[in-house]
Amino acid sequence: MSEEVVPLKPLTKEEIRKLELALILGTITRPDVLERIRNAEDKLTWLDSLIVAAGALARERAGLTIDVIAEELGRSESTIRHHLAGKTEAGKLVKETYDMLVKNGGKLKIAIPTEISSEIEHYRKRVEELEKEVQNLKAKLSEVRSKLEEVLKTLTT
């Protein structure tokens, strides 16, 4: 599997989308942000703000003007300015994620929260247990079939 580097200064629409997606995923999967989302009164508004802030920053890095960004994202120029200036919580968080991307050379590192990792491990062990159980049941079924065949032979002779 090849590792793709996120364009930090996008030149095409495709590169803007890649940076935007990296900013969204990189921000939303941060443990501090996940906790804020969990505790947020209006989760959809909070997530919407993060997505708009990520879209605004990606487009700004591509050199688009505030009015073009606002039109593309369907938000007011004032909202876009506030996100880009870090006057909103979403704007600050997305900027921090961008700074992490810059620090990592455009490589996105997503940390899986500990509770999710432990759940994954729990289910992995459970699947192994169930696979063993299925093998045991198959062996027993095979044994029962053999005995039934013997009984049938005895009855038919």
N, C-alpha and C. Protein backbone atom coordinates (compact mmCIF):
# COMPACT_ATOMS: atom_id res chain seq x y z
N MET A 1 0.86 -1.18 0.00
CA MET A 1 0.00 0.00 0.00
C MET A 1 0.90 1.24 0.00
N SER A 2 0.71 2.13 -0.95
CA SER A 2 1.53 3.33 -1.01
C SER A 2 0.94 4.42 -0.13
N GLU A 3 1.85 5.23 0.35
CA GLU A 3 1.43 6.31 1.24
C GLU A 3 1.35 7.59 0.41
N GLU A 4 0.21 8.24 0.44
CA GLU A 4 0.01 9.44 -0.35
C GLU A 4 0.22 10.67 0.50
N VAL A 5 0.92 11.65 -0.07
CA VAL A 5 1.17 12.89 0.63
C VAL A 5 0.07 13.89 0.25
N VAL A 6 -0.46 14.55 1.25
CA VAL A 6 -1.53 15.52 1.04
C VAL A 6 -0.91 16.82 0.52
N PRO A 7 -1.45 17.38 -0.56
CA PRO A 7 -0.90 18.64 -1.08
C PRO A 7 -1.19 19.81 -0.12
N LEU A 8 -0.15 20.46 0.37
CA LEU A 8 -0.32 21.56 1.32
C LEU A 8 -0.62 22.89 0.62
N LYS A 9 -0.27 22.97 -0.65
CA LYS A 9 -0.57 24.16 -1.46
C LYS A 9 -1.21 23.64 -2.74
N PRO A 10 -2.52 23.28 -2.65
CA PRO A 10 -3.17 22.64 -3.80
C PRO A 10 -3.26 23.56 -5.03
N LEU A 11 -3.16 22.91 -6.19
CA LEU A 11 -3.21 23.66 -7.45
C LEU A 11 -4.45 23.31 -8.27
N THR A 12 -5.02 22.15 -8.04
CA THR A 12 -6.18 21.72 -8.82
C THR A 12 -7.36 21.46 -7.88
N LYS A 13 -8.54 21.32 -8.47
CA LYS A 13 -9.74 21.00 -7.68
C LYS A 13 -9.56 19.68 -6.93
N GLU A 14 -8.95 18.71 -7.59
CA GLU A 14 -8.70 17.41 -6.96
C GLU A 14 -7.78 17.55 -5.75
N GLU A 15 -6.75 18.34 -5.87
CA GLU A 15 -5.83 18.56 -4.75
C GLU A 15 -6.52 19.32 -3.61
N ILE A 16 -7.40 20.26 -3.96
CA ILE A 16 -8.18 20.97 -2.93
C ILE A 16 -9.03 19.96 -2.17
N ARG A 17 -9.69 19.05 -2.90
CA ARG A 17 -10.53 18.04 -2.25
C ARG A 17 -9.71 17.13 -1.33
N LYS A 18 -8.50 16.77 -1.77
CA LYS A 18 -7.63 15.92 -0.95
C LYS A 18 -7.24 16.64 0.34
N LEU A 19 -6.85 17.91 0.24
CA LEU A 19 -6.47 18.66 1.42
C LEU A 19 -7.68 18.86 2.33
N GLU A 20 -8.82 19.18 1.73
CA GLU A 20 -10.05 19.37 2.50
C GLU A 20 -10.41 18.10 3.27
N LEU A 21 -10.37 16.96 2.62
CA LEU A 21 -10.69 15.70 3.27
C LEU A 21 -9.69 15.38 4.38
N ALA A 22 -8.41 15.63 4.12
CA ALA A 22 -7.39 15.38 5.15
C ALA A 22 -7.63 16.27 6.36
N LEU A 23 -8.01 17.52 6.12
CA LEU A 23 -8.29 18.43 7.24
C LEU A 23 -9.52 17.99 8.03
N ILE A 24 -10.53 17.54 7.32
CA ILE A 24 -11.76 17.08 7.99
C ILE A 24 -11.44 15.83 8.83
N LEU A 25 -10.87 14.82 8.20
CA LEU A 25 -10.57 13.57 8.91
C LEU A 25 -9.56 13.78 10.02
N GLY A 26 -8.52 14.54 9.72
CA GLY A 26 -7.49 14.80 10.71
C GLY A 26 -8.01 15.54 11.92
N THR A 27 -8.98 16.43 11.71
CA THR A 27 -9.54 17.20 12.82
C THR A 27 -10.56 16.39 13.60
N ILE A 28 -11.48 15.77 12.89
CA ILE A 28 -12.57 15.04 13.54
C ILE A 28 -12.06 13.83 14.34
N THR A 29 -10.97 13.23 13.91
CA THR A 29 -10.48 12.03 14.61
C THR A 29 -9.52 12.34 15.74
N ARG A 30 -9.22 13.60 15.97
CA ARG A 30 -8.36 13.94 17.11
C ARG A 30 -9.13 13.65 18.40
N PRO A 31 -8.48 13.03 19.38
CA PRO A 31 -9.17 12.69 20.64
C PRO A 31 -9.84 13.90 21.31
N ASP A 32 -9.17 15.06 21.31
CA ASP A 32 -9.76 16.24 21.95
C ASP A 32 -11.01 16.70 21.21
N VAL A 33 -10.99 16.58 19.89
CA VAL A 33 -12.15 16.99 19.09
C VAL A 33 -13.29 15.99 19.25
N LEU A 34 -12.96 14.70 19.27
CA LEU A 34 -14.01 13.68 19.49
C LEU A 34 -14.72 13.93 20.81
N GLU A 35 -13.97 14.28 21.83
CA GLU A 35 -14.57 14.56 23.13
C GLU A 35 -15.47 15.80 23.06
N ARG A 36 -15.02 16.82 22.36
CA ARG A 36 -15.85 18.04 22.21
C ARG A 36 -17.13 17.74 21.44
N ILE A 37 -17.02 16.90 20.44
CA ILE A 37 -18.21 16.54 19.66
C ILE A 37 -19.19 15.78 20.54
N ARG A 38 -18.66 14.83 21.33
CA ARG A 38 -19.53 14.07 22.23
C ARG A 38 -20.29 14.98 23.19
N ASN A 39 -19.62 16.01 23.67
CA ASN A 39 -20.21 16.90 24.68
C ASN A 39 -20.98 18.07 24.08
N ALA A 40 -20.93 18.23 22.77
CA ALA A 40 -21.59 19.37 22.12
C ALA A 40 -23.11 19.23 22.20
N GLU A 41 -23.76 20.35 22.46
CA GLU A 41 -25.23 20.38 22.49
C GLU A 41 -25.80 20.04 21.10
N ASP A 42 -25.28 20.75 20.10
CA ASP A 42 -25.78 20.57 18.74
C ASP A 42 -24.65 20.00 17.88
N LYS A 43 -24.55 18.68 17.83
CA LYS A 43 -23.47 17.99 17.15
C LYS A 43 -23.41 18.31 15.65
N LEU A 44 -24.57 18.39 15.02
CA LEU A 44 -24.59 18.65 13.58
C LEU A 44 -24.04 20.02 13.24
N THR A 45 -24.40 21.01 14.02
CA THR A 45 -23.88 22.36 13.78
C THR A 45 -22.38 22.38 13.99
N TRP A 46 -21.93 21.70 15.01
CA TRP A 46 -20.50 21.65 15.32
C TRP A 46 -19.74 20.99 14.18
N LEU A 47 -20.22 19.85 13.72
CA LEU A 47 -19.57 19.15 12.61
C LEU A 47 -19.61 19.98 11.33
N ASP A 48 -20.73 20.63 11.08
CA ASP A 48 -20.87 21.48 9.90
C ASP A 48 -19.81 22.59 9.93
N SER A 49 -19.61 23.20 11.09
CA SER A 49 -18.61 24.25 11.22
C SER A 49 -17.21 23.73 10.92
N LEU A 50 -16.90 22.54 11.43
CA LEU A 50 -15.58 21.95 11.16
C LEU A 50 -15.39 21.70 9.66
N ILE A 51 -16.42 21.20 9.02
CA ILE A 51 -16.33 20.90 7.59
C ILE A 51 -16.19 22.18 6.77
N VAL A 52 -16.94 23.20 7.12
CA VAL A 52 -16.83 24.48 6.41
C VAL A 52 -15.45 25.10 6.62
N ALA A 53 -14.96 25.04 7.87
CA ALA A 53 -13.63 25.60 8.16
C ALA A 53 -12.55 24.86 7.37
N ALA A 54 -12.67 23.54 7.27
CA ALA A 54 -11.70 22.75 6.50
C ALA A 54 -11.76 23.12 5.02
N GLY A 55 -12.97 23.24 4.50
CA GLY A 55 -13.13 23.63 3.10
C GLY A 55 -12.58 25.01 2.82
N ALA A 56 -12.81 25.92 3.75
CA ALA A 56 -12.31 27.29 3.59
C ALA A 56 -10.79 27.32 3.59
N LEU A 57 -10.18 26.61 4.53
CA LEU A 57 -8.72 26.62 4.61
C LEU A 57 -8.08 25.97 3.40
N ALA A 58 -8.64 24.86 2.94
CA ALA A 58 -8.09 24.19 1.75
C ALA A 58 -8.15 25.12 0.54
N ARG A 59 -9.26 25.82 0.39
CA ARG A 59 -9.41 26.72 -0.75
C ARG A 59 -8.53 27.97 -0.60
N GLU A 60 -8.37 28.43 0.62
CA GLU A 60 -7.48 29.58 0.84
C GLU A 60 -6.05 29.20 0.47
N ARG A 61 -5.61 28.00 0.85
CA ARG A 61 -4.25 27.54 0.53
C ARG A 61 -4.06 27.39 -0.97
N ALA A 62 -5.16 27.23 -1.69
CA ALA A 62 -5.08 27.13 -3.15
C ALA A 62 -5.07 28.51 -3.80
N GLY A 63 -5.24 29.55 -2.98
CA GLY A 63 -5.20 30.92 -3.51
C GLY A 63 -6.54 31.50 -3.91
N LEU A 64 -7.63 30.83 -3.57
CA LEU A 64 -8.95 31.38 -3.90
C LEU A 64 -9.26 32.56 -2.99
N THR A 65 -10.02 33.48 -3.51
CA THR A 65 -10.40 34.67 -2.73
C THR A 65 -11.56 34.35 -1.80
N ILE A 66 -11.73 35.19 -0.80
CA ILE A 66 -12.79 34.99 0.20
C ILE A 66 -14.16 34.89 -0.47
N ASP A 67 -14.44 35.77 -1.43
CA ASP A 67 -15.76 35.75 -2.06
C ASP A 67 -15.99 34.46 -2.85
N VAL A 68 -14.96 33.94 -3.50
CA VAL A 68 -15.10 32.68 -4.25
C VAL A 68 -15.29 31.52 -3.27
N ILE A 69 -14.52 31.51 -2.18
CA ILE A 69 -14.65 30.46 -1.17
C ILE A 69 -16.07 30.47 -0.60
N ALA A 70 -16.54 31.66 -0.26
CA ALA A 70 -17.89 31.80 0.32
C ALA A 70 -18.94 31.27 -0.65
N GLU A 71 -18.80 31.60 -1.91
CA GLU A 71 -19.76 31.14 -2.91
C GLU A 71 -19.71 29.61 -3.06
N GLU A 72 -18.50 29.05 -3.14
CA GLU A 72 -18.36 27.59 -3.30
C GLU A 72 -18.92 26.83 -2.10
N LEU A 73 -18.74 27.39 -0.90
CA LEU A 73 -19.18 26.68 0.30
C LEU A 73 -20.58 27.07 0.75
N GLY A 74 -21.17 28.07 0.09
CA GLY A 74 -22.53 28.47 0.43
C GLY A 74 -22.64 29.13 1.79
N ARG A 75 -21.61 29.88 2.16
CA ARG A 75 -21.59 30.60 3.44
C ARG A 75 -21.28 32.06 3.17
N SER A 76 -21.49 32.89 4.18
CA SER A 76 -21.20 34.31 4.01
C SER A 76 -19.69 34.55 4.05
N GLU A 77 -19.27 35.64 3.45
CA GLU A 77 -17.86 36.01 3.48
C GLU A 77 -17.40 36.22 4.91
N SER A 78 -18.27 36.76 5.73
CA SER A 78 -17.94 36.99 7.14
C SER A 78 -17.65 35.67 7.86
N THR A 79 -18.47 34.67 7.62
CA THR A 79 -18.26 33.36 8.23
C THR A 79 -16.92 32.78 7.80
N ILE A 80 -16.61 32.89 6.53
CA ILE A 80 -15.35 32.36 6.00
C ILE A 80 -14.18 33.10 6.62
N ARG A 81 -14.26 34.42 6.70
CA ARG A 81 -13.18 35.21 7.33
C ARG A 81 -12.96 34.79 8.78
N HIS A 82 -14.05 34.58 9.51
CA HIS A 82 -13.94 34.20 10.92
C HIS A 82 -13.26 32.83 11.07
N HIS A 83 -13.63 31.89 10.22
CA HIS A 83 -12.97 30.57 10.26
C HIS A 83 -11.48 30.70 9.94
N LEU A 84 -11.17 31.43 8.88
CA LEU A 84 -9.77 31.54 8.45
C LEU A 84 -8.91 32.33 9.43
N ALA A 85 -9.51 33.27 10.12
CA ALA A 85 -8.78 34.08 11.10
C ALA A 85 -8.65 33.37 12.45
N GLY A 86 -9.28 32.21 12.57
CA GLY A 86 -9.22 31.47 13.83
C GLY A 86 -10.09 32.08 14.92
N LYS A 87 -11.10 32.84 14.50
CA LYS A 87 -12.01 33.44 15.47
C LYS A 87 -13.11 32.47 15.91
N THR A 88 -13.18 31.33 15.22
CA THR A 88 -14.14 30.30 15.60
C THR A 88 -13.36 29.10 16.14
N GLU A 89 -14.00 28.31 16.98
CA GLU A 89 -13.36 27.11 17.51
C GLU A 89 -13.01 26.16 16.36
N ALA A 90 -13.92 26.02 15.41
CA ALA A 90 -13.68 25.14 14.26
C ALA A 90 -12.48 25.63 13.46
N GLY A 91 -12.40 26.92 13.24
CA GLY A 91 -11.28 27.49 12.50
C GLY A 91 -9.95 27.22 13.18
N LYS A 92 -9.93 27.38 14.51
CA LYS A 92 -8.70 27.12 15.28
C LYS A 92 -8.29 25.66 15.16
N LEU A 93 -9.25 24.77 15.34
CA LEU A 93 -8.95 23.33 15.32
C LEU A 93 -8.45 22.88 13.94
N VAL A 94 -9.08 23.36 12.89
CA VAL A 94 -8.68 22.99 11.53
C VAL A 94 -7.29 23.54 11.24
N LYS A 95 -7.00 24.74 11.69
CA LYS A 95 -5.67 25.34 11.50
C LYS A 95 -4.61 24.50 12.22
N GLU A 96 -4.92 24.05 13.43
CA GLU A 96 -3.99 23.18 14.17
C GLU A 96 -3.72 21.90 13.38
N THR A 97 -4.77 21.35 12.78
CA THR A 97 -4.60 20.13 11.98
C THR A 97 -3.73 20.41 10.77
N TYR A 98 -3.95 21.57 10.14
CA TYR A 98 -3.12 21.95 8.98
C TYR A 98 -1.66 22.07 9.41
N ASP A 99 -1.42 22.69 10.55
CA ASP A 99 -0.06 22.85 11.06
C ASP A 99 0.59 21.49 11.31
N MET A 100 -0.21 20.52 11.79
CA MET A 100 0.30 19.16 11.99
C MET A 100 0.66 18.51 10.65
N LEU A 101 -0.19 18.76 9.64
CA LEU A 101 0.10 18.24 8.31
C LEU A 101 1.42 18.82 7.78
N VAL A 102 1.60 20.11 7.96
CA VAL A 102 2.83 20.77 7.52
C VAL A 102 4.03 20.14 8.24
N LYS A 103 3.89 19.99 9.55
CA LYS A 103 4.96 19.42 10.37
C LYS A 103 5.32 18.00 9.92
N ASN A 104 4.31 17.23 9.47
CA ASN A 104 4.52 15.85 9.05
C ASN A 104 4.78 15.72 7.55
N GLY A 105 5.08 16.82 6.90
CA GLY A 105 5.40 16.77 5.47
C GLY A 105 4.23 16.39 4.59
N GLY A 106 3.02 16.75 5.03
CA GLY A 106 1.83 16.46 4.22
C GLY A 106 1.27 15.07 4.45
N LYS A 107 1.79 14.36 5.45
CA LYS A 107 1.29 13.02 5.75
C LYS A 107 0.31 13.11 6.91
N LEU A 108 -0.85 12.51 6.72
CA LEU A 108 -1.90 12.52 7.72
C LEU A 108 -1.75 11.33 8.64
N LYS A 109 -1.67 11.60 9.92
CA LYS A 109 -1.59 10.53 10.92
C LYS A 109 -2.86 10.59 11.75
N ILE A 110 -3.65 9.54 11.65
CA ILE A 110 -4.91 9.48 12.39
C ILE A 110 -4.75 8.51 13.54
N ALA A 111 -4.96 9.01 14.73
CA ALA A 111 -4.87 8.16 15.92
C ALA A 111 -6.25 7.57 16.20
N ILE A 112 -6.28 6.26 16.39
CA ILE A 112 -7.53 5.61 16.76
C ILE A 112 -7.67 5.75 18.27
N PRO A 113 -8.76 6.32 18.73
CA PRO A 113 -8.93 6.49 20.18
C PRO A 113 -8.80 5.15 20.91
N THR A 114 -8.23 5.21 22.10
CA THR A 114 -7.95 4.02 22.90
C THR A 114 -9.16 3.13 23.09
N GLU A 115 -10.31 3.75 23.41
CA GLU A 115 -11.49 2.92 23.64
C GLU A 115 -11.91 2.17 22.40
N ILE A 116 -11.69 2.75 21.23
CA ILE A 116 -12.02 2.07 19.99
C ILE A 116 -11.03 0.93 19.75
N SER A 117 -9.73 1.19 20.02
CA SER A 117 -8.71 0.15 19.86
C SER A 117 -9.01 -1.04 20.77
N SER A 118 -9.40 -0.77 22.02
CA SER A 118 -9.69 -1.88 22.93
C SER A 118 -10.94 -2.63 22.49
N GLU A 119 -11.92 -1.91 21.95
CA GLU A 119 -13.12 -2.59 21.43
C GLU A 119 -12.76 -3.48 20.25
N ILE A 120 -11.91 -2.99 19.39
CA ILE A 120 -11.48 -3.77 18.22
C ILE A 120 -10.79 -5.04 18.71
N GLU A 121 -9.90 -4.91 19.69
CA GLU A 121 -9.20 -6.07 20.23
C GLU A 121 -10.18 -7.06 20.86
N HIS A 122 -11.16 -6.53 21.60
CA HIS A 122 -12.18 -7.38 22.22
C HIS A 122 -12.92 -8.19 21.15
N TYR A 123 -13.34 -7.53 20.09
CA TYR A 123 -14.09 -8.22 19.03
C TYR A 123 -13.19 -9.19 18.26
N ARG A 124 -11.92 -8.84 18.11
CA ARG A 124 -10.99 -9.74 17.42
C ARG A 124 -10.87 -11.05 18.22
N LYS A 125 -10.73 -10.94 19.55
CA LYS A 125 -10.65 -12.13 20.40
C LYS A 125 -11.95 -12.93 20.34
N ARG A 126 -13.07 -12.22 20.35
CA ARG A 126 -14.38 -12.90 20.30
C ARG A 126 -14.54 -13.66 18.99
N VAL A 127 -14.08 -13.08 17.90
CA VAL A 127 -14.16 -13.75 16.60
C VAL A 127 -13.31 -15.01 16.63
N GLU A 128 -12.12 -14.94 17.22
CA GLU A 128 -11.25 -16.12 17.33
C GLU A 128 -11.95 -17.22 18.13
N GLU A 129 -12.57 -16.82 19.25
CA GLU A 129 -13.30 -17.80 20.08
C GLU A 129 -14.42 -18.46 19.27
N LEU A 130 -15.17 -17.65 18.54
CA LEU A 130 -16.28 -18.19 17.75
C LEU A 130 -15.79 -19.09 16.64
N GLU A 131 -14.64 -18.75 16.03
CA GLU A 131 -14.09 -19.61 14.98
C GLU A 131 -13.71 -20.97 15.55
N LYS A 132 -13.13 -20.99 16.76
CA LYS A 132 -12.79 -22.26 17.42
C LYS A 132 -14.06 -23.05 17.72
N GLU A 133 -15.07 -22.36 18.20
CA GLU A 133 -16.34 -23.01 18.52
C GLU A 133 -16.96 -23.64 17.26
N VAL A 134 -16.90 -22.91 16.16
CA VAL A 134 -17.43 -23.43 14.89
C VAL A 134 -16.66 -24.69 14.48
N GLN A 135 -15.33 -24.67 14.64
CA GLN A 135 -14.52 -25.86 14.31
C GLN A 135 -14.92 -27.05 15.17
N ASN A 136 -15.12 -26.78 16.48
CA ASN A 136 -15.55 -27.86 17.38
C ASN A 136 -16.91 -28.41 16.98
N LEU A 137 -17.83 -27.53 16.64
CA LEU A 137 -19.17 -27.96 16.23
C LEU A 137 -19.12 -28.76 14.94
N LYS A 138 -18.25 -28.36 14.01
CA LYS A 138 -18.09 -29.11 12.76
C LYS A 138 -17.57 -30.51 13.04
N ALA A 139 -16.61 -30.61 13.98
CA ALA A 139 -16.06 -31.92 14.34
C ALA A 139 -17.15 -32.80 14.95
N LYS A 140 -17.94 -32.22 15.86
CA LYS A 140 -19.02 -32.98 16.50
C LYS A 140 -20.06 -33.42 15.47
N LEU A 141 -20.39 -32.51 14.54
CA LEU A 141 -21.35 -32.83 13.50
C LEU A 141 -20.85 -33.99 12.64
N SER A 142 -19.58 -33.95 12.32
CA SER A 142 -19.00 -35.03 11.53
C SER A 142 -19.08 -36.35 12.29
N GLU A 143 -18.81 -36.31 13.59
CA GLU A 143 -18.90 -37.50 14.45
C GLU A 143 -20.33 -38.05 14.48
N VAL A 144 -21.29 -37.15 14.65
CA VAL A 144 -22.71 -37.56 14.68
C VAL A 144 -23.11 -38.16 13.35
N ARG A 145 -22.68 -37.60 12.26
CA ARG A 145 -23.00 -38.15 10.93
C ARG A 145 -22.47 -39.58 10.79
N SER A 146 -21.23 -39.76 11.22
CA SER A 146 -20.64 -41.09 11.15
C SER A 146 -21.46 -42.11 11.94
N LYS A 147 -21.85 -41.73 13.14
CA LYS A 147 -22.64 -42.63 13.99
C LYS A 147 -24.01 -42.90 13.36
N LEU A 148 -24.62 -41.87 12.79
CA LEU A 148 -25.91 -42.06 12.12
C LEU A 148 -25.78 -43.01 10.93
N GLU A 149 -24.71 -42.87 10.18
CA GLU A 149 -24.48 -43.76 9.04
C GLU A 149 -24.33 -45.20 9.52
N GLU A 150 -23.63 -45.39 10.64
CA GLU A 150 -23.46 -46.73 11.21
C GLU A 150 -24.82 -47.31 11.63
N VAL A 151 -25.63 -46.46 12.29
CA VAL A 151 -26.97 -46.92 12.72
C VAL A 151 -27.81 -47.27 11.51
N LEU A 152 -27.77 -46.45 10.48
CA LEU A 152 -28.54 -46.72 9.27
C LEU A 152 -28.09 -48.03 8.61
N LYS A 153 -26.81 -48.27 8.57
CA LYS A 153 -26.30 -49.50 8.00
C LYS A 153 -26.80 -50.72 8.79
N THR A 154 -26.77 -50.57 10.09
CA THR A 154 -27.23 -51.65 10.96
C THR A 154 -28.71 -51.91 10.75
N LEU A 155 -29.48 -50.86 10.64
CA LEU A 155 -30.93 -51.01 10.45
C LEU A 155 -31.29 -51.56 9.08
N THR A 156 -30.51 -51.26 8.07
CA THR A 156 -30.85 -51.71 6.73
C THR A 156 -30.30 -53.10 6.42
N THR A 157 -29.50 -53.64 7.27
CA THR A 157 -28.99 -55.00 7.04
C THR A 157 -29.70 -56.05 7.81
